[in-house]
Amino acid sequence: MTFGRLSAHLSEFFRRFDLDAVVGPGDPESAIADLVRAQLAGEPLPDTVWRREGGDWRPPDRTPRLLRDDELPLPDVTEIPYEAYDLLYADDTARFCGIPKRRELVVPVARGCPVNCAFCEIPGREGKAERRVPIPRIISYISEMADTMPFEYVSMYAPTFTLRKRWVHEFCDAYEASGIGIPWKCTTTLHHLDEELIRRMGAAGCIRISVGLETLEPAGHAALPRAKHVAEQRFRETADACRAAGIELNCFVILGLPGTSFAGVARTIEAVREIGGRVRPTIYTDFDDMRADMDEPTVASFNRQLFRPGEEPEDAARYYRVLFDPDAPVTAVHEVIPRRSRS
């Protein structure tokens, strides 16, 4: 069987392969558990997955059960090859979201997102209603993992970490009280931030906030949900608040967003650099354009790093120079993160 982002979004694509089952949208853990139980009992494949019956494929009759907040899994770090994992972020010109020269502990804090961007597959896979791991479990997990391995910062993964501001304040209180003291980062939107919240996060150890800025070009806002219609003044006010709190602002910028121009992209990137922020550019990708009858290279091109074959803009070379610019400024946030012995 197969499961994951592509399986959930384009399940029918996998019918061409020698598989027995494909997990579609929903929590894959539930579907996998259904399949394992059926196999152990000698029963037919469950109706919560795409399954092969004879020479035909049958779609799911129902979606897998969504996990409750208190059931959401946290990684077993002993299964992760960290000597290799660290190398993913070693060169910041690669523009990944990790922090170079420091070891990352990822904590999947939440699933689901109501912001519902057209270029994001999360709402379709995890749902628009957010589910969040309880704060005491997060604190306990980080504390236990910090005793297991020399992690130097924590990535609080949630599609929109500050969606529930009261929850974030409560988390910051609990994190400070725990005495863990490991710096952390998160991802959210400018719409879900304010000066008071940013100040509280900084005091609790937050050293980077990543936001889906996407574009400051008004002509591109039609392709974005209302929560991401950001005026430049609001952006600069948020940047000022982050700077005062000692937080690096990491901005996702989309190249090729409908309605935008290369000049608009250049201006957005210039604005981010003017406030001392980090730019993480990606290519606009509308996953709804994917079709099950596409060949593998075409499907693979929906990766936020390439324009789709045959649909490149005339000035694609200029966009690629921005995306893969080895001379673009790199982060220095690792310098505020203490090293821990890895012996």
Protein backbone atom coordinates (compact mmCIF):
# COMPACT_ATOMS: atom_id res chain seq x y z
CA MET A 1 0.00 0.00 0.00
CA THR A 2 1.03 3.62 -0.26
CA PHE A 3 0.08 6.73 1.65
CA GLY A 4 1.26 10.33 1.85
CA ARG A 5 0.65 13.72 0.26
CA LEU A 6 0.39 12.58 -3.35
CA SER A 7 -1.57 9.44 -2.47
CA ALA A 8 -4.11 11.57 -0.63
CA HIS A 9 -4.46 14.19 -3.35
CA LEU A 10 -4.27 12.02 -6.47
CA SER A 11 -5.11 8.50 -5.34
CA GLU A 12 -6.10 7.28 -8.81
CA PHE A 13 -2.61 7.99 -10.15
CA PHE A 14 -1.31 5.01 -8.17
CA ARG A 15 -3.62 2.47 -9.81
CA ARG A 16 -0.96 1.99 -12.52
CA PHE A 17 1.46 0.46 -9.99
CA ASP A 18 1.64 -3.04 -8.51
CA LEU A 19 -0.15 -2.15 -5.29
CA ASP A 20 -2.97 -3.61 -3.27
CA ALA A 21 -4.20 -0.43 -1.59
CA VAL A 22 -3.85 3.36 -1.66
CA VAL A 23 -4.74 5.64 1.25
CA GLY A 24 -6.66 8.74 0.17
CA PRO A 25 -7.57 11.84 2.22
CA GLY A 26 -7.82 11.56 5.98
CA ASP A 27 -5.45 10.41 8.69
CA PRO A 28 -3.31 7.62 7.20
CA GLU A 29 -2.77 5.99 10.61
CA SER A 30 -6.47 5.07 10.78
CA ALA A 31 -6.50 3.58 7.30
CA ILE A 32 -3.28 1.64 7.88
CA ALA A 33 -4.69 0.25 11.13
CA ASP A 34 -7.85 -0.82 9.26
CA LEU A 35 -5.75 -2.61 6.65
CA VAL A 36 -3.52 -4.37 9.17
CA ARG A 37 -6.52 -5.57 11.20
CA ALA A 38 -8.15 -6.92 8.03
CA GLN A 39 -4.99 -8.74 6.98
CA LEU A 40 -4.49 -10.32 10.40
CA ALA A 41 -8.09 -11.48 10.43
CA GLY A 42 -7.93 -12.81 6.87
CA GLU A 43 -10.67 -10.41 5.80
CA PRO A 44 -11.04 -8.38 2.57
CA LEU A 45 -9.23 -5.05 2.32
CA PRO A 46 -11.09 -2.33 4.25
CA ASP A 47 -13.50 0.08 2.60
CA THR A 48 -11.56 3.10 3.93
CA VAL A 49 -8.89 2.77 1.20
CA TRP A 50 -8.64 2.42 -2.55
CA ARG A 51 -8.24 -1.35 -2.96
CA ARG A 52 -7.58 -3.80 -5.74
CA GLU A 53 -10.25 -6.47 -6.13
CA GLY A 54 -9.31 -8.91 -8.86
CA GLY A 55 -8.24 -6.76 -11.79
CA ASP A 56 -10.29 -3.73 -10.77
CA TRP A 57 -9.86 -0.92 -8.29
CA ARG A 58 -12.61 0.18 -5.92
CA PRO A 59 -12.64 3.65 -4.34
CA PRO A 60 -13.18 4.08 -0.60
CA ASP A 61 -16.77 3.84 0.60
CA ARG A 62 -15.91 6.08 3.57
CA THR A 63 -12.98 8.13 4.80
CA PRO A 64 -10.69 6.87 7.56
CA ARG A 65 -11.54 8.01 11.06
CA LEU A 66 -9.91 11.32 11.94
CA LEU A 67 -7.77 11.09 15.05
CA ARG A 68 -8.76 13.06 18.12
CA ASP A 69 -6.46 15.79 19.44
CA ASP A 70 -5.10 13.47 22.12
CA GLU A 71 -4.43 10.69 19.59
CA LEU A 72 -2.22 12.65 17.18
CA PRO A 73 1.14 10.85 17.00
CA LEU A 74 4.55 12.30 17.83
CA PRO A 75 7.74 10.99 16.16
CA ASP A 76 9.98 8.29 17.59
CA VAL A 77 13.31 10.07 17.21
CA THR A 78 15.27 6.81 17.46
CA GLU A 79 13.92 5.93 13.99
CA ILE A 80 15.34 9.10 12.36
CA PRO A 81 18.92 9.08 10.94
CA TYR A 82 19.90 12.49 12.29
CA GLU A 83 23.46 12.45 10.96
CA ALA A 84 21.90 12.53 7.48
CA TYR A 85 18.92 14.69 8.48
CA ASP A 86 21.23 17.48 9.68
CA LEU A 87 22.73 17.70 6.19
CA LEU A 88 19.37 18.77 4.70
CA TYR A 89 19.76 22.20 6.25
CA ALA A 90 23.55 22.55 6.27
CA ASP A 91 23.53 24.92 3.26
CA ASP A 92 21.01 27.72 3.77
CA THR A 93 21.17 28.72 0.08
CA ALA A 94 19.03 25.62 -0.56
CA ARG A 95 16.18 27.65 1.00
CA PHE A 96 14.63 24.91 3.12
CA CYS A 97 12.88 25.90 6.34
CA GLY A 98 15.33 24.30 8.76
CA ILE A 99 18.10 26.18 10.53
CA PRO A 100 21.68 25.38 9.45
CA LYS A 101 24.36 24.09 11.84
CA ARG A 102 21.85 23.15 14.56
CA ARG A 103 19.87 19.94 15.20
CA GLU A 104 16.08 20.12 14.83
CA LEU A 105 13.36 18.34 16.79
CA VAL A 106 10.10 18.45 14.85
CA VAL A 107 6.92 18.41 16.93
CA PRO A 108 3.75 17.94 14.82
CA VAL A 109 1.54 20.20 16.93
CA ALA A 110 -1.58 20.29 14.75
CA ARG A 111 -3.35 18.96 11.68
CA GLY A 112 -5.89 20.70 9.47
CA CYS A 113 -6.14 24.32 8.32
CA PRO A 114 -9.14 26.60 7.68
CA VAL A 115 -7.14 29.19 5.69
CA ASN A 116 -7.61 26.98 2.61
CA CYS A 117 -5.02 28.23 0.09
CA ALA A 118 -5.55 26.83 -3.40
CA PHE A 119 -1.85 25.92 -3.68
CA CYS A 120 -1.81 23.89 -0.44
CA GLU A 121 -2.93 20.29 -0.12
CA ILE A 122 -3.32 20.28 3.68
CA PRO A 123 -7.06 21.13 3.92
CA GLY A 124 -7.93 18.42 1.41
CA ARG A 125 -5.79 15.85 3.21
CA GLU A 126 -6.23 16.76 6.88
CA GLY A 127 -9.47 18.76 6.84
CA LYS A 128 -10.29 22.42 7.40
CA ALA A 129 -11.06 21.94 11.09
CA GLU A 130 -7.84 22.13 13.09
CA ARG A 131 -6.88 19.49 15.67
CA ARG A 132 -4.14 20.27 18.19
CA VAL A 133 -2.01 18.11 20.50
CA PRO A 134 -2.69 19.01 24.16
CA ILE A 135 -0.08 21.33 25.66
CA PRO A 136 0.99 19.05 28.54
CA ARG A 137 1.76 16.26 26.07
CA ILE A 138 3.85 18.60 23.89
CA ILE A 139 5.87 19.81 26.87
CA SER A 140 6.40 16.27 28.15
CA TYR A 141 7.48 15.06 24.71
CA ILE A 142 10.01 17.85 24.16
CA SER A 143 11.46 17.34 27.64
CA GLU A 144 11.81 13.59 27.09
CA MET A 145 13.36 13.99 23.63
CA ALA A 146 15.82 16.61 24.88
CA ASP A 147 17.07 14.01 27.37
CA THR A 148 17.30 11.41 24.57
CA MET A 149 19.30 13.37 21.98
CA PRO A 150 21.12 16.74 21.78
CA PHE A 151 18.43 18.74 19.99
CA GLU A 152 19.28 22.43 19.70
CA TYR A 153 15.97 23.89 18.56
CA VAL A 154 12.37 22.78 18.17
CA SER A 155 10.19 23.14 15.09
CA MET A 156 6.58 23.49 16.27
CA TYR A 157 4.86 22.21 13.16
CA ALA A 158 1.29 23.36 12.60
CA PRO A 159 -0.09 24.73 9.33
CA THR A 160 -1.10 27.91 11.23
CA PHE A 161 0.57 27.79 14.65
CA THR A 162 -1.03 30.99 15.99
CA LEU A 163 -4.54 30.17 14.75
CA ARG A 164 -5.67 29.96 18.38
CA LYS A 165 -4.00 32.88 20.13
CA ARG A 166 -5.17 31.91 23.62
CA TRP A 167 -3.68 28.45 23.10
CA VAL A 168 -0.35 30.02 22.09
CA HIS A 169 -0.29 32.18 25.24
CA GLU A 170 -1.01 29.10 27.35
CA PHE A 171 1.69 27.16 25.53
CA CYS A 172 4.25 29.93 26.10
CA ASP A 173 3.40 29.97 29.82
CA ALA A 174 3.80 26.19 30.06
CA TYR A 175 7.01 26.14 28.02
CA GLU A 176 8.64 28.78 30.18
CA ALA A 177 7.51 27.06 33.37
CA SER A 178 8.96 23.74 32.18
CA GLY A 179 12.49 25.11 32.15
CA ILE A 180 13.29 23.23 28.92
CA GLY A 181 14.93 26.35 27.53
CA ILE A 182 15.42 25.11 23.94
CA PRO A 183 14.71 27.78 21.28
CA TRP A 184 11.84 27.09 18.90
CA LYS A 185 10.28 28.21 15.63
CA CYS A 186 6.86 27.97 14.00
CA THR A 187 4.83 28.73 10.86
CA THR A 188 1.69 30.86 10.60
CA THR A 189 0.19 33.80 8.68
CA LEU A 190 0.60 37.55 9.21
CA HIS A 191 -3.16 37.74 9.74
CA HIS A 192 -2.87 35.55 12.84
CA LEU A 193 -0.14 37.60 14.52
CA ASP A 194 -0.18 40.75 16.62
CA GLU A 195 2.43 42.68 18.57
CA GLU A 196 1.42 41.33 21.98
CA LEU A 197 1.50 37.73 20.78
CA ILE A 198 4.86 38.16 19.06
CA ARG A 199 6.34 39.69 22.19
CA ARG A 200 5.06 36.77 24.30
CA MET A 201 6.43 34.20 21.86
CA GLY A 202 9.83 35.84 21.82
CA ALA A 203 9.99 35.86 25.63
CA ALA A 204 9.17 32.13 25.62
CA GLY A 205 12.07 31.24 23.31
CA CYS A 206 10.72 31.67 19.78
CA ILE A 207 13.56 32.65 17.45
CA ARG A 208 11.91 32.34 14.01
CA ILE A 209 8.39 32.83 12.71
CA SER A 210 7.72 31.71 9.13
CA VAL A 211 4.77 33.35 7.40
CA GLY A 212 3.04 32.80 4.10
CA LEU A 213 3.57 36.32 2.81
CA GLU A 214 3.25 35.06 -0.80
CA THR A 215 3.19 38.55 -2.38
CA LEU A 216 2.87 42.24 -1.55
CA GLU A 217 1.64 42.93 -5.08
CA PRO A 218 -2.10 43.78 -4.79
CA ALA A 219 -2.81 42.26 -8.22
CA GLY A 220 -1.92 38.84 -6.81
CA HIS A 221 -4.39 38.94 -3.92
CA ALA A 222 -7.23 37.54 -6.03
CA ALA A 223 -5.41 34.18 -6.06
CA LEU A 224 -5.10 34.18 -2.25
CA PRO A 225 -7.59 33.66 0.60
CA ARG A 226 -8.65 36.88 2.31
CA ALA A 227 -6.45 36.16 5.33
CA LYS A 228 -3.41 36.60 3.07
CA HIS A 229 -4.36 39.96 1.54
CA VAL A 230 -1.50 41.74 3.28
CA ALA A 231 -0.78 45.44 2.92
CA GLU A 232 2.87 46.42 3.04
CA GLN A 233 2.31 48.63 6.09
CA ARG A 234 0.92 45.66 8.07
CA PHE A 235 3.88 43.57 6.96
CA ARG A 236 6.36 46.20 8.14
CA GLU A 237 4.60 46.59 11.49
CA THR A 238 4.82 42.83 12.06
CA ALA A 239 8.47 42.86 11.05
CA ASP A 240 9.16 45.63 13.57
CA ALA A 241 7.46 43.61 16.31
CA CYS A 242 9.50 40.51 15.42
CA ARG A 243 12.75 42.49 15.43
CA ALA A 244 11.93 43.97 18.86
CA ALA A 245 11.20 40.46 20.20
CA GLY A 246 14.44 39.01 18.81
CA ILE A 247 12.60 36.84 16.26
CA GLU A 248 13.68 36.25 12.66
CA LEU A 249 10.84 36.72 10.17
CA ASN A 250 11.04 34.05 7.46
CA CYS A 251 8.78 34.90 4.51
CA PHE A 252 7.43 32.43 1.96
CA VAL A 253 7.22 34.22 -1.39
CA ILE A 254 5.49 32.67 -4.41
CA LEU A 255 6.98 33.10 -7.88
CA GLY A 256 4.48 32.97 -10.72
CA LEU A 257 1.37 33.53 -8.58
CA PRO A 258 -1.53 34.40 -10.93
CA GLY A 259 -1.91 38.15 -11.35
CA THR A 260 1.65 38.95 -10.27
CA SER A 261 4.62 40.09 -12.31
CA PHE A 262 8.35 39.57 -12.04
CA ALA A 263 8.64 43.21 -10.98
CA GLY A 264 6.16 42.50 -8.18
CA VAL A 265 8.15 39.47 -7.07
CA ALA A 266 11.35 41.52 -7.03
CA ARG A 267 9.66 44.26 -5.01
CA THR A 268 8.28 41.77 -2.46
CA ILE A 269 11.71 40.19 -1.99
CA GLU A 270 13.31 43.63 -1.70
CA ALA A 271 10.79 44.58 1.02
CA VAL A 272 11.59 41.42 3.01
CA ARG A 273 15.31 42.08 2.81
CA GLU A 274 14.83 45.72 3.79
CA ILE A 275 13.39 44.65 7.14
CA GLY A 276 16.13 42.05 7.66
CA GLY A 277 13.87 39.08 6.98
CA ARG A 278 14.70 35.78 5.31
CA VAL A 279 13.12 34.95 1.93
CA ARG A 280 12.03 31.43 1.09
CA PRO A 281 10.83 31.49 -2.56
CA THR A 282 8.79 28.76 -4.23
CA ILE A 283 7.10 28.32 -7.62
CA TYR A 284 3.31 28.64 -7.75
CA THR A 285 1.75 25.18 -7.93
CA ASP A 286 -1.98 24.53 -8.24
CA PHE A 287 -2.41 20.92 -7.18
CA ASP A 288 -5.94 20.86 -8.56
CA ASP A 289 -4.41 20.87 -12.05
CA MET A 290 -2.95 17.39 -11.45
CA ARG A 291 -4.64 14.52 -13.30
CA ALA A 292 -4.39 10.80 -12.78
CA ASP A 293 -3.55 10.20 -16.47
CA MET A 294 -0.41 12.36 -16.38
CA ASP A 295 2.95 10.65 -16.75
CA GLU A 296 5.32 10.43 -13.80
CA PRO A 297 7.67 13.30 -14.81
CA THR A 298 4.70 15.66 -15.21
CA VAL A 299 3.26 14.72 -11.84
CA ALA A 300 6.72 15.09 -10.30
CA SER A 301 6.92 18.64 -11.64
CA PHE A 302 4.22 19.74 -9.18
CA ASN A 303 6.92 20.30 -6.59
CA ARG A 304 7.01 24.07 -5.96
CA GLN A 305 10.51 24.17 -7.46
CA LEU A 306 9.67 23.96 -11.18
CA PHE A 307 7.23 25.45 -13.64
CA ARG A 308 5.10 22.79 -15.28
CA PRO A 309 6.40 21.55 -18.65
CA GLY A 310 4.96 23.64 -21.46
CA GLU A 311 3.58 26.28 -19.08
CA GLU A 312 6.75 28.18 -18.22
CA PRO A 313 6.46 31.98 -18.46
CA GLU A 314 8.59 33.71 -21.08
CA ASP A 315 10.85 35.06 -18.33
CA ALA A 316 11.13 31.71 -16.51
CA ALA A 317 14.92 32.02 -16.46
CA ARG A 318 14.66 35.17 -14.34
CA TYR A 319 12.40 33.42 -11.85
CA TYR A 320 14.77 30.47 -11.62
CA ARG A 321 17.68 32.81 -10.97
CA VAL A 322 15.75 34.19 -8.00
CA LEU A 323 14.75 30.74 -6.78
CA PHE A 324 18.24 29.24 -6.95
CA ASP A 325 20.35 32.36 -6.33
CA PRO A 326 23.49 31.15 -4.49
CA ASP A 327 24.40 34.73 -3.60
CA ALA A 328 21.15 35.56 -1.82
CA PRO A 329 21.52 36.52 1.87
CA VAL A 330 21.46 33.58 4.28
CA THR A 331 20.21 33.32 7.83
CA ALA A 332 22.29 34.06 10.89
CA VAL A 333 19.65 32.88 13.39
CA HIS A 334 21.70 29.81 14.30
CA GLU A 335 24.14 32.13 16.03
CA VAL A 336 21.63 32.76 18.83
CA ILE A 337 21.04 29.02 19.36
CA PRO A 338 23.50 27.42 21.84
CA ARG A 339 25.24 24.26 20.70
CA ARG A 340 24.80 21.04 22.64
CA SER A 341 27.40 18.30 22.85
CA ARG A 342 26.74 15.38 20.48
CA SER A 343 29.34 13.04 21.95
